[in-house]
């Protein structure tokens, strides 16, 4: 009977400690400051925009996201990218990043510089086909 009495007393002490710790924890939750979350408007795609497509206003929408979740390179003003060309696919709902938009097609790759009804061709160069560096200007 003594063993049961010791176990009972030990369980009661443990219960009192748990109640005290829970009460203390609940009081600290009441005193914590809740900081308001700042939101920022970013430009997102309404639907998937394929690569090498000219961006129009009806493809874009503004979406409020927490400031901590907005990508540092996300476009904030839709007017900045209207008429630009996409470099890669932009998935629906994705934040539009400045690296995925080519604002000046003339500065892009050769495929963007070729005029309409014209063609471009690339020629692979190696040590053998490049005359091993012996052909020099002049």
Protein backbone atom coordinates (compact mmCIF):
# COMPACT_ATOMS: atom_id res chain seq x y z
CA UNK A 1 0.00 0.00 0.00
CA UNK A 2 2.94 2.32 0.66
CA UNK A 3 4.08 2.03 -2.98
CA UNK A 4 0.68 3.09 -4.27
CA UNK A 5 0.60 6.03 -1.91
CA UNK A 6 4.04 7.24 -3.07
CA UNK A 7 3.03 6.91 -6.72
CA UNK A 8 -0.18 8.85 -6.06
CA UNK A 9 1.69 11.68 -4.31
CA UNK A 10 4.27 11.80 -7.14
CA UNK A 11 1.48 11.94 -9.77
CA UNK A 12 -0.26 14.79 -7.91
CA UNK A 13 2.99 16.80 -7.71
CA UNK A 14 3.65 16.22 -11.43
CA UNK A 15 0.08 17.33 -12.22
CA UNK A 16 0.48 20.53 -10.22
CA UNK A 17 3.76 21.30 -12.01
CA UNK A 18 2.15 20.73 -15.43
CA UNK A 19 -0.81 22.98 -14.56
CA UNK A 20 1.56 25.71 -13.37
CA UNK A 21 3.69 25.52 -16.51
CA UNK A 22 0.60 25.57 -18.75
CA UNK A 23 -0.74 28.63 -16.93
CA UNK A 24 2.61 30.38 -17.29
CA UNK A 25 2.76 29.57 -21.01
CA UNK A 26 -0.77 30.84 -21.63
CA UNK A 27 0.09 34.15 -19.92
CA UNK A 28 3.13 34.63 -22.17
CA UNK A 29 0.91 34.13 -25.22
CA UNK A 30 -1.36 36.95 -24.09
CA UNK A 31 1.54 39.39 -23.75
CA UNK A 32 3.15 38.64 -27.13
CA UNK A 33 2.88 41.41 -29.69
CA UNK A 34 1.25 40.49 -32.94
CA UNK A 35 2.98 42.36 -35.73
CA UNK A 36 0.81 43.23 -38.70
CA UNK A 37 1.80 41.68 -42.00
CA UNK A 38 2.68 44.15 -44.76
CA UNK A 39 1.32 43.28 -48.18
CA UNK A 40 2.68 44.34 -51.54
CA UNK A 41 1.05 44.23 -54.97
CA UNK A 42 2.95 42.21 -57.58
CA UNK A 43 2.13 41.42 -61.19
CA UNK A 44 1.13 37.81 -61.86
CA UNK A 45 0.01 35.89 -64.92
CA UNK A 46 -3.72 35.18 -65.25
CA UNK A 47 -3.04 32.19 -67.48
CA UNK A 48 0.10 30.41 -68.62
CA UNK A 49 2.08 32.64 -70.98
CA UNK A 50 4.21 30.64 -73.43
CA UNK A 51 7.82 31.56 -74.17
CA UNK A 52 8.48 34.10 -76.96
CA UNK A 53 5.03 35.68 -76.58
CA UNK A 54 4.29 39.39 -76.53
CA UNK A 55 2.77 40.37 -73.18
CA UNK A 56 -0.59 42.15 -73.25
CA UNK A 57 -2.57 43.79 -70.45
CA UNK A 58 -5.27 41.07 -70.46
CA UNK A 59 -2.62 38.44 -69.56
CA UNK A 60 -1.71 40.19 -66.30
CA UNK A 61 -3.28 40.85 -62.92
CA UNK A 62 -2.18 42.31 -59.61
CA UNK A 63 -1.99 40.05 -56.59
CA UNK A 64 -1.40 41.02 -52.96
CA UNK A 65 1.28 38.92 -51.29
CA UNK A 66 3.05 39.35 -47.95
CA UNK A 67 6.15 41.48 -48.36
CA UNK A 68 8.35 38.62 -47.15
CA UNK A 69 7.00 36.30 -49.87
CA UNK A 70 7.38 38.71 -52.78
CA UNK A 71 10.37 37.88 -54.95
CA UNK A 72 12.95 40.71 -55.01
CA UNK A 73 12.86 40.77 -58.84
CA UNK A 74 9.07 40.65 -59.13
CA UNK A 75 7.48 43.22 -61.43
CA UNK A 76 5.38 45.73 -59.47
CA UNK A 77 4.04 47.86 -62.33
CA UNK A 78 2.31 46.05 -65.21
CA UNK A 79 2.80 48.99 -67.58
CA UNK A 80 6.55 48.36 -67.50
CA UNK A 81 6.24 45.00 -69.27
CA UNK A 82 3.31 45.43 -71.64
CA UNK A 83 4.60 44.83 -75.16
CA UNK A 84 7.65 42.92 -73.89
CA UNK A 85 8.46 39.37 -74.93
CA UNK A 86 8.67 36.41 -72.56
CA UNK A 87 11.94 34.49 -72.49
CA UNK A 88 10.50 31.40 -70.77
CA UNK A 89 7.06 30.03 -69.96
CA UNK A 90 5.31 31.88 -67.13
CA UNK A 91 2.86 29.67 -65.24
CA UNK A 92 -0.60 30.94 -64.27
CA UNK A 93 -0.52 32.68 -60.88
CA UNK A 94 3.27 32.99 -60.91
CA UNK A 95 4.93 36.28 -60.02
CA UNK A 96 6.44 37.74 -63.17
CA UNK A 97 10.18 38.25 -62.72
CA UNK A 98 12.30 40.75 -64.62
CA UNK A 99 14.69 37.96 -65.74
CA UNK A 100 11.89 36.20 -67.63
CA UNK A 101 10.92 39.25 -69.66
CA UNK A 102 12.83 40.74 -72.57
CA UNK A 103 11.86 44.40 -72.68
CA UNK A 104 14.01 45.24 -75.72
CA UNK A 105 13.86 42.55 -78.44
CA UNK A 106 16.84 44.14 -80.20
CA UNK A 107 19.04 43.32 -77.20
CA UNK A 108 17.93 39.69 -77.12
CA UNK A 109 19.23 36.66 -78.91
CA UNK A 110 19.57 36.32 -82.66
CA UNK A 111 16.06 34.86 -83.01
CA UNK A 112 14.57 38.17 -81.84
CA UNK A 113 16.77 40.27 -84.13
CA UNK A 114 15.87 38.55 -87.41
CA UNK A 115 13.42 40.70 -89.34
CA UNK A 116 10.24 39.38 -90.87
CA UNK A 117 10.68 37.31 -94.08
CA UNK A 118 14.39 36.91 -93.28
CA UNK A 119 16.34 33.88 -92.07
CA UNK A 120 19.42 33.38 -89.95
CA UNK A 121 21.82 30.48 -89.86
CA UNK A 122 24.50 29.50 -87.37
CA UNK A 123 27.70 27.72 -88.31
CA UNK A 124 29.52 25.59 -85.77
CA UNK A 125 33.19 26.53 -85.38
CA UNK A 126 35.91 24.27 -84.04
CA UNK A 127 39.72 24.29 -84.26
CA UNK A 128 39.61 22.52 -87.60
CA UNK A 129 36.83 24.52 -89.27
CA UNK A 130 38.07 27.78 -87.78
CA UNK A 131 41.50 27.33 -89.47
CA UNK A 132 43.09 26.85 -86.04
CA UNK A 133 43.20 30.58 -85.33
CA UNK A 134 45.49 31.40 -88.30
CA UNK A 135 42.91 33.54 -90.07
CA UNK A 136 43.20 37.02 -88.59
CA UNK A 137 41.74 40.36 -89.63
CA UNK A 138 43.71 42.29 -92.23
